[in-house]
Amino acid sequence: MSTYIQRKLERASLNPEQFNEELNQSIKILISSEIDELAKWFVHFTKDKPHLKNLQNDTAYNRNLLY
């Protein structure tokens, strides 16, 4: 996962709706190995952010990133 995408998601994290949109866009452009990195980063980043953990991101669920 690129630093650029990570920073975009971090900036958007204050607004769950924007974060969800950025996450969805990121998933669409990343390759499989980057998707794995994104999934690990997401778990770590949202550990203390319950407002981001409960997103209903269809793209992420379809790619089995969020359970």
PDB file of N, CA and C in Angstrom:
ATOM      1  N   MET A   1       0.854  -1.169   0.000  1.00  0.00           N
ATOM      2  CA  MET A   1       0.000   0.000   0.000  1.00  0.00           C
ATOM      3  C   MET A   1       0.894   1.225   0.000  1.00  0.00           C
ATOM      4  N   SER A   2       0.573   2.168  -0.824  1.00  0.00           N
ATOM      5  CA  SER A   2       1.411   3.355  -0.919  1.00  0.00           C
ATOM      6  C   SER A   2       1.186   4.291   0.262  1.00  0.00           C
ATOM      7  N   THR A   3       2.203   5.050   0.555  1.00  0.00           N
ATOM      8  CA  THR A   3       2.124   6.048   1.621  1.00  0.00           C
ATOM      9  C   THR A   3       1.057   7.082   1.288  1.00  0.00           C
ATOM     10  N   TYR A   4       0.928   7.392   0.008  1.00  0.00           N
ATOM     11  CA  TYR A   4      -0.078   8.362  -0.431  1.00  0.00           C
ATOM     12  C   TYR A   4      -1.488   7.908  -0.037  1.00  0.00           C
ATOM     13  N   ILE A   5      -1.815   6.663  -0.308  1.00  0.00           N
ATOM     14  CA  ILE A   5      -3.145   6.135   0.031  1.00  0.00           C
ATOM     15  C   ILE A   5      -3.334   6.110   1.540  1.00  0.00           C
ATOM     16  N   GLN A   6      -2.314   5.688   2.253  1.00  0.00           N
ATOM     17  CA  GLN A   6      -2.396   5.647   3.711  1.00  0.00           C
ATOM     18  C   GLN A   6      -2.676   7.041   4.269  1.00  0.00           C
ATOM     19  N   ARG A   7      -1.990   8.032   3.783  1.00  0.00           N
ATOM     20  CA  ARG A   7      -2.192   9.404   4.272  1.00  0.00           C
ATOM     21  C   ARG A   7      -3.575   9.933   3.902  1.00  0.00           C
ATOM     22  N   LYS A   8      -4.053   9.594   2.697  1.00  0.00           N
ATOM     23  CA  LYS A   8      -5.408  10.000   2.301  1.00  0.00           C
ATOM     24  C   LYS A   8      -6.438   9.429   3.271  1.00  0.00           C
ATOM     25  N   LEU A   9      -6.271   8.170   3.627  1.00  0.00           N
ATOM     26  CA  LEU A   9      -7.209   7.531   4.547  1.00  0.00           C
ATOM     27  C   LEU A   9      -7.098   8.125   5.946  1.00  0.00           C
ATOM     28  N   GLU A  10      -5.892   8.397   6.385  1.00  0.00           N
ATOM     29  CA  GLU A  10      -5.709   9.000   7.705  1.00  0.00           C
ATOM     30  C   GLU A  10      -6.375  10.373   7.774  1.00  0.00           C
ATOM     31  N   ARG A  11      -6.210  11.182   6.729  1.00  0.00           N
ATOM     32  CA  ARG A  11      -6.839  12.513   6.702  1.00  0.00           C
ATOM     33  C   ARG A  11      -8.362  12.392   6.683  1.00  0.00           C
ATOM     34  N   ALA A  12      -8.876  11.426   5.982  1.00  0.00           N
ATOM     35  CA  ALA A  12     -10.324  11.256   5.855  1.00  0.00           C
ATOM     36  C   ALA A  12     -10.948  10.620   7.091  1.00  0.00           C
ATOM     37  N   SER A  13     -10.146  10.128   8.007  1.00  0.00           N
ATOM     38  CA  SER A  13     -10.669   9.364   9.144  1.00  0.00           C
ATOM     39  C   SER A  13     -11.522  10.189  10.102  1.00  0.00           C
ATOM     40  N   LEU A  14     -11.452  11.499  10.034  1.00  0.00           N
ATOM     41  CA  LEU A  14     -12.280  12.327  10.907  1.00  0.00           C
ATOM     42  C   LEU A  14     -13.744  12.305  10.483  1.00  0.00           C
ATOM     43  N   ASN A  15     -13.984  11.961   9.243  1.00  0.00           N
ATOM     44  CA  ASN A  15     -15.337  11.889   8.706  1.00  0.00           C
ATOM     45  C   ASN A  15     -15.573  10.466   8.198  1.00  0.00           C
ATOM     46  N   PRO A  16     -16.342   9.659   8.930  1.00  0.00           N
ATOM     47  CA  PRO A  16     -16.544   8.258   8.534  1.00  0.00           C
ATOM     48  C   PRO A  16     -17.060   8.085   7.107  1.00  0.00           C
ATOM     49  N   GLU A  17     -17.922   8.974   6.661  1.00  0.00           N
ATOM     50  CA  GLU A  17     -18.456   8.864   5.299  1.00  0.00           C
ATOM     51  C   GLU A  17     -17.350   9.079   4.259  1.00  0.00           C
ATOM     52  N   GLN A  18     -16.519  10.079   4.490  1.00  0.00           N
ATOM     53  CA  GLN A  18     -15.405  10.342   3.575  1.00  0.00           C
ATOM     54  C   GLN A  18     -14.382   9.207   3.641  1.00  0.00           C
ATOM     55  N   PHE A  19     -14.132   8.692   4.845  1.00  0.00           N
ATOM     56  CA  PHE A  19     -13.199   7.579   5.008  1.00  0.00           C
ATOM     57  C   PHE A  19     -13.684   6.371   4.216  1.00  0.00           C
ATOM     58  N   ASN A  20     -14.971   6.092   4.308  1.00  0.00           N
ATOM     59  CA  ASN A  20     -15.562   4.971   3.582  1.00  0.00           C
ATOM     60  C   ASN A  20     -15.386   5.152   2.073  1.00  0.00           C
ATOM     61  N   GLU A  21     -15.601   6.365   1.599  1.00  0.00           N
ATOM     62  CA  GLU A  21     -15.443   6.650   0.174  1.00  0.00           C
ATOM     63  C   GLU A  21     -13.983   6.480  -0.271  1.00  0.00           C
ATOM     64  N   GLU A  22     -13.052   6.995   0.522  1.00  0.00           N
ATOM     65  CA  GLU A  22     -11.626   6.871   0.192  1.00  0.00           C
ATOM     66  C   GLU A  22     -11.184   5.406   0.245  1.00  0.00           C
ATOM     67  N   LEU A  23     -11.686   4.667   1.225  1.00  0.00           N
ATOM     68  CA  LEU A  23     -11.359   3.250   1.344  1.00  0.00           C
ATOM     69  C   LEU A  23     -11.857   2.492   0.118  1.00  0.00           C
ATOM     70  N   ASN A  24     -13.064   2.788  -0.300  1.00  0.00           N
ATOM     71  CA  ASN A  24     -13.650   2.151  -1.476  1.00  0.00           C
ATOM     72  C   ASN A  24     -12.823   2.439  -2.726  1.00  0.00           C
ATOM     73  N   GLN A  25     -12.421   3.689  -2.914  1.00  0.00           N
ATOM     74  CA  GLN A  25     -11.596   4.053  -4.067  1.00  0.00           C
ATOM     75  C   GLN A  25     -10.242   3.357  -4.016  1.00  0.00           C
ATOM     76  N   SER A  26      -9.660   3.278  -2.837  1.00  0.00           N
ATOM     77  CA  SER A  26      -8.348   2.644  -2.683  1.00  0.00           C
ATOM     78  C   SER A  26      -8.407   1.166  -3.032  1.00  0.00           C
ATOM     79  N   ILE A  27      -9.449   0.501  -2.586  1.00  0.00           N
ATOM     80  CA  ILE A  27      -9.596  -0.928  -2.846  1.00  0.00           C
ATOM     81  C   ILE A  27      -9.673  -1.196  -4.346  1.00  0.00           C
ATOM     82  N   LYS A  28     -10.310  -0.296  -5.068  1.00  0.00           N
ATOM     83  CA  LYS A  28     -10.480  -0.482  -6.511  1.00  0.00           C
ATOM     84  C   LYS A  28      -9.169  -0.391  -7.280  1.00  0.00           C
ATOM     85  N   ILE A  29      -8.190   0.365  -6.771  1.00  0.00           N
ATOM     86  CA  ILE A  29      -6.966   0.583  -7.543  1.00  0.00           C
ATOM     87  C   ILE A  29      -5.771  -0.243  -7.076  1.00  0.00           C
ATOM     88  N   LEU A  30      -5.880  -0.875  -5.920  1.00  0.00           N
ATOM     89  CA  LEU A  30      -4.742  -1.625  -5.387  1.00  0.00           C
ATOM     90  C   LEU A  30      -4.674  -3.034  -5.962  1.00  0.00           C
ATOM     91  N   ILE A  31      -3.463  -3.564  -6.033  1.00  0.00           N
ATOM     92  CA  ILE A  31      -3.280  -4.956  -6.443  1.00  0.00           C
ATOM     93  C   ILE A  31      -3.397  -5.847  -5.207  1.00  0.00           C
ATOM     94  N   SER A  32      -3.461  -7.144  -5.400  1.00  0.00           N
ATOM     95  CA  SER A  32      -3.729  -8.091  -4.309  1.00  0.00           C
ATOM     96  C   SER A  32      -2.787  -7.941  -3.123  1.00  0.00           C
ATOM     97  N   SER A  33      -1.502  -7.848  -3.373  1.00  0.00           N
ATOM     98  CA  SER A  33      -0.560  -7.740  -2.252  1.00  0.00           C
ATOM     99  C   SER A  33      -0.768  -6.435  -1.488  1.00  0.00           C
ATOM    100  N   GLU A  34      -1.145  -5.373  -2.190  1.00  0.00           N
ATOM    101  CA  GLU A  34      -1.410  -4.104  -1.522  1.00  0.00           C
ATOM    102  C   GLU A  34      -2.721  -4.162  -0.742  1.00  0.00           C
ATOM    103  N   ILE A  35      -3.676  -4.925  -1.241  1.00  0.00           N
ATOM    104  CA  ILE A  35      -4.942  -5.115  -0.532  1.00  0.00           C
ATOM    105  C   ILE A  35      -4.676  -5.786   0.812  1.00  0.00           C
ATOM    106  N   ASP A  36      -3.789  -6.774   0.835  1.00  0.00           N
ATOM    107  CA  ASP A  36      -3.427  -7.436   2.092  1.00  0.00           C
ATOM    108  C   ASP A  36      -2.811  -6.444   3.069  1.00  0.00           C
ATOM    109  N   GLU A  37      -1.936  -5.582   2.565  1.00  0.00           N
ATOM    110  CA  GLU A  37      -1.321  -4.557   3.410  1.00  0.00           C
ATOM    111  C   GLU A  37      -2.384  -3.594   3.932  1.00  0.00           C
ATOM    112  N   LEU A  38      -3.321  -3.216   3.066  1.00  0.00           N
ATOM    113  CA  LEU A  38      -4.397  -2.319   3.465  1.00  0.00           C
ATOM    114  C   LEU A  38      -5.246  -2.951   4.561  1.00  0.00           C
ATOM    115  N   ALA A  39      -5.549  -4.222   4.435  1.00  0.00           N
ATOM    116  CA  ALA A  39      -6.354  -4.913   5.445  1.00  0.00           C
ATOM    117  C   ALA A  39      -5.650  -4.906   6.799  1.00  0.00           C
ATOM    118  N   LYS A  40      -4.353  -5.190   6.815  1.00  0.00           N
ATOM    119  CA  LYS A  40      -3.586  -5.173   8.067  1.00  0.00           C
ATOM    120  C   LYS A  40      -3.540  -3.763   8.648  1.00  0.00           C
ATOM    121  N   TRP A  41      -3.298  -2.784   7.787  1.00  0.00           N
ATOM    122  CA  TRP A  41      -3.248  -1.398   8.233  1.00  0.00           C
ATOM    123  C   TRP A  41      -4.604  -0.987   8.806  1.00  0.00           C
ATOM    124  N   PHE A  42      -5.693  -1.362   8.127  1.00  0.00           N
ATOM    125  CA  PHE A  42      -7.041  -1.005   8.562  1.00  0.00           C
ATOM    126  C   PHE A  42      -7.324  -1.530   9.969  1.00  0.00           C
ATOM    127  N   VAL A  43      -6.983  -2.776  10.216  1.00  0.00           N
ATOM    128  CA  VAL A  43      -7.211  -3.372  11.540  1.00  0.00           C
ATOM    129  C   VAL A  43      -6.440  -2.595  12.602  1.00  0.00           C
ATOM    130  N   HIS A  44      -5.184  -2.303  12.327  1.00  0.00           N
ATOM    131  CA  HIS A  44      -4.354  -1.566  13.283  1.00  0.00           C
ATOM    132  C   HIS A  44      -4.853  -0.126  13.457  1.00  0.00           C
ATOM    133  N   PHE A  45      -5.161   0.548  12.354  1.00  0.00           N
ATOM    134  CA  PHE A  45      -5.549   1.954  12.392  1.00  0.00           C
ATOM    135  C   PHE A  45      -6.889   2.156  13.095  1.00  0.00           C
ATOM    136  N   THR A  46      -7.813   1.234  12.933  1.00  0.00           N
ATOM    137  CA  THR A  46      -9.151   1.406  13.510  1.00  0.00           C
ATOM    138  C   THR A  46      -9.296   0.787  14.895  1.00  0.00           C
ATOM    139  N   LYS A  47      -8.209   0.280  15.444  1.00  0.00           N
ATOM    140  CA  LYS A  47      -8.265  -0.376  16.756  1.00  0.00           C
ATOM    141  C   LYS A  47      -8.954   0.501  17.806  1.00  0.00           C
ATOM    142  N   ASP A  48      -8.632   1.785  17.833  1.00  0.00           N
ATOM    143  CA  ASP A  48      -9.201   2.704  18.817  1.00  0.00           C
ATOM    144  C   ASP A  48     -10.181   3.693  18.192  1.00  0.00           C
ATOM    145  N   LYS A  49     -10.741   3.331  17.062  1.00  0.00           N
ATOM    146  CA  LYS A  49     -11.665   4.218  16.350  1.00  0.00           C
ATOM    147  C   LYS A  49     -12.959   3.469  16.005  1.00  0.00           C
ATOM    148  N   PRO A  50     -13.822   3.284  16.994  1.00  0.00           N
ATOM    149  CA  PRO A  50     -15.042   2.505  16.741  1.00  0.00           C
ATOM    150  C   PRO A  50     -15.929   3.107  15.655  1.00  0.00           C
ATOM    151  N   HIS A  51     -15.862   4.427  15.452  1.00  0.00           N
ATOM    152  CA  HIS A  51     -16.688   5.052  14.414  1.00  0.00           C
ATOM    153  C   HIS A  51     -16.246   4.643  13.011  1.00  0.00           C
ATOM    154  N   LEU A  52     -15.030   4.118  12.875  1.00  0.00           N
ATOM    155  CA  LEU A  52     -14.554   3.653  11.573  1.00  0.00           C
ATOM    156  C   LEU A  52     -14.658   2.138  11.435  1.00  0.00           C
ATOM    157  N   LYS A  53     -14.702   1.435  12.539  1.00  0.00           N
ATOM    158  CA  LYS A  53     -14.767  -0.030  12.498  1.00  0.00           C
ATOM    159  C   LYS A  53     -16.081  -0.544  11.939  1.00  0.00           C
ATOM    160  N   ASN A  54     -17.136   0.190  12.142  1.00  0.00           N
ATOM    161  CA  ASN A  54     -18.475  -0.290  11.796  1.00  0.00           C
ATOM    162  C   ASN A  54     -18.950   0.180  10.429  1.00  0.00           C
ATOM    163  N   LEU A  55     -18.023   0.457   9.539  1.00  0.00           N
ATOM    164  CA  LEU A  55     -18.388   0.893   8.196  1.00  0.00           C
ATOM    165  C   LEU A  55     -19.033  -0.245   7.418  1.00  0.00           C
ATOM    166  N   GLN A  56     -19.979   0.102   6.596  1.00  0.00           N
ATOM    167  CA  GLN A  56     -20.600  -0.877   5.705  1.00  0.00           C
ATOM    168  C   GLN A  56     -20.057  -0.631   4.304  1.00  0.00           C
ATOM    169  N   ASN A  57     -18.853  -1.063   4.075  1.00  0.00           N
ATOM    170  CA  ASN A  57     -18.189  -0.837   2.794  1.00  0.00           C
ATOM    171  C   ASN A  57     -18.368  -2.076   1.929  1.00  0.00           C
ATOM    172  N   ASP A  58     -19.245  -1.980   0.949  1.00  0.00           N
ATOM    173  CA  ASP A  58     -19.557  -3.135   0.103  1.00  0.00           C
ATOM    174  C   ASP A  58     -18.335  -3.668  -0.624  1.00  0.00           C
ATOM    175  N   THR A  59     -17.486  -2.782  -1.119  1.00  0.00           N
ATOM    176  CA  THR A  59     -16.296  -3.230  -1.840  1.00  0.00           C
ATOM    177  C   THR A  59     -15.379  -4.011  -0.920  1.00  0.00           C
ATOM    178  N   ALA A  60     -15.195  -3.520   0.293  1.00  0.00           N
ATOM    179  CA  ALA A  60     -14.329  -4.213   1.244  1.00  0.00           C
ATOM    180  C   ALA A  60     -14.909  -5.571   1.610  1.00  0.00           C
ATOM    181  N   TYR A  61     -16.207  -5.635   1.827  1.00  0.00           N
ATOM    182  CA  TYR A  61     -16.811  -6.923   2.165  1.00  0.00           C
ATOM    183  C   TYR A  61     -16.735  -7.890   0.993  1.00  0.00           C
ATOM    184  N   ASN A  62     -16.928  -7.389  -0.208  1.00  0.00           N
ATOM    185  CA  ASN A  62     -16.839  -8.248  -1.387  1.00  0.00           C
ATOM    186  C   ASN A  62     -15.439  -8.797  -1.574  1.00  0.00           C
ATOM    187  N   ARG A  63     -14.430  -8.056  -1.171  1.00  0.00           N
ATOM    188  CA  ARG A  63     -13.040  -8.497  -1.298  1.00  0.00           C
ATOM    189  C   ARG A  63     -12.572  -9.216  -0.029  1.00  0.00           C
ATOM    190  N   ASN A  64     -13.481  -9.455   0.923  1.00  0.00           N
ATOM    191  CA  ASN A  64     -13.190 -10.150   2.180  1.00  0.00           C
ATOM    192  C   ASN A  64     -12.144  -9.436   3.028  1.00  0.00           C
ATOM    193  N   LEU A  65     -12.197  -8.115   3.065  1.00  0.00           N
ATOM    194  CA  LEU A  65     -11.267  -7.362   3.897  1.00  0.00           C
ATOM    195  C   LEU A  65     -11.828  -7.115   5.284  1.00  0.00           C
ATOM    196  N   LEU A  66     -13.127  -6.916   5.354  1.00  0.00           N
ATOM    197  CA  LEU A  66     -13.762  -6.626   6.631  1.00  0.00           C
ATOM    198  C   LEU A  66     -14.708  -7.766   6.963  1.00  0.00           C
ATOM    199  N   TYR A  67     -14.723  -8.136   8.213  1.00  0.00           N
ATOM    200  CA  TYR A  67     -15.581  -9.254   8.621  1.00  0.00           C
ATOM    201  C   TYR A  67     -16.610  -8.815   9.620  1.00  0.00           C
TER     202      TYR A  67
END
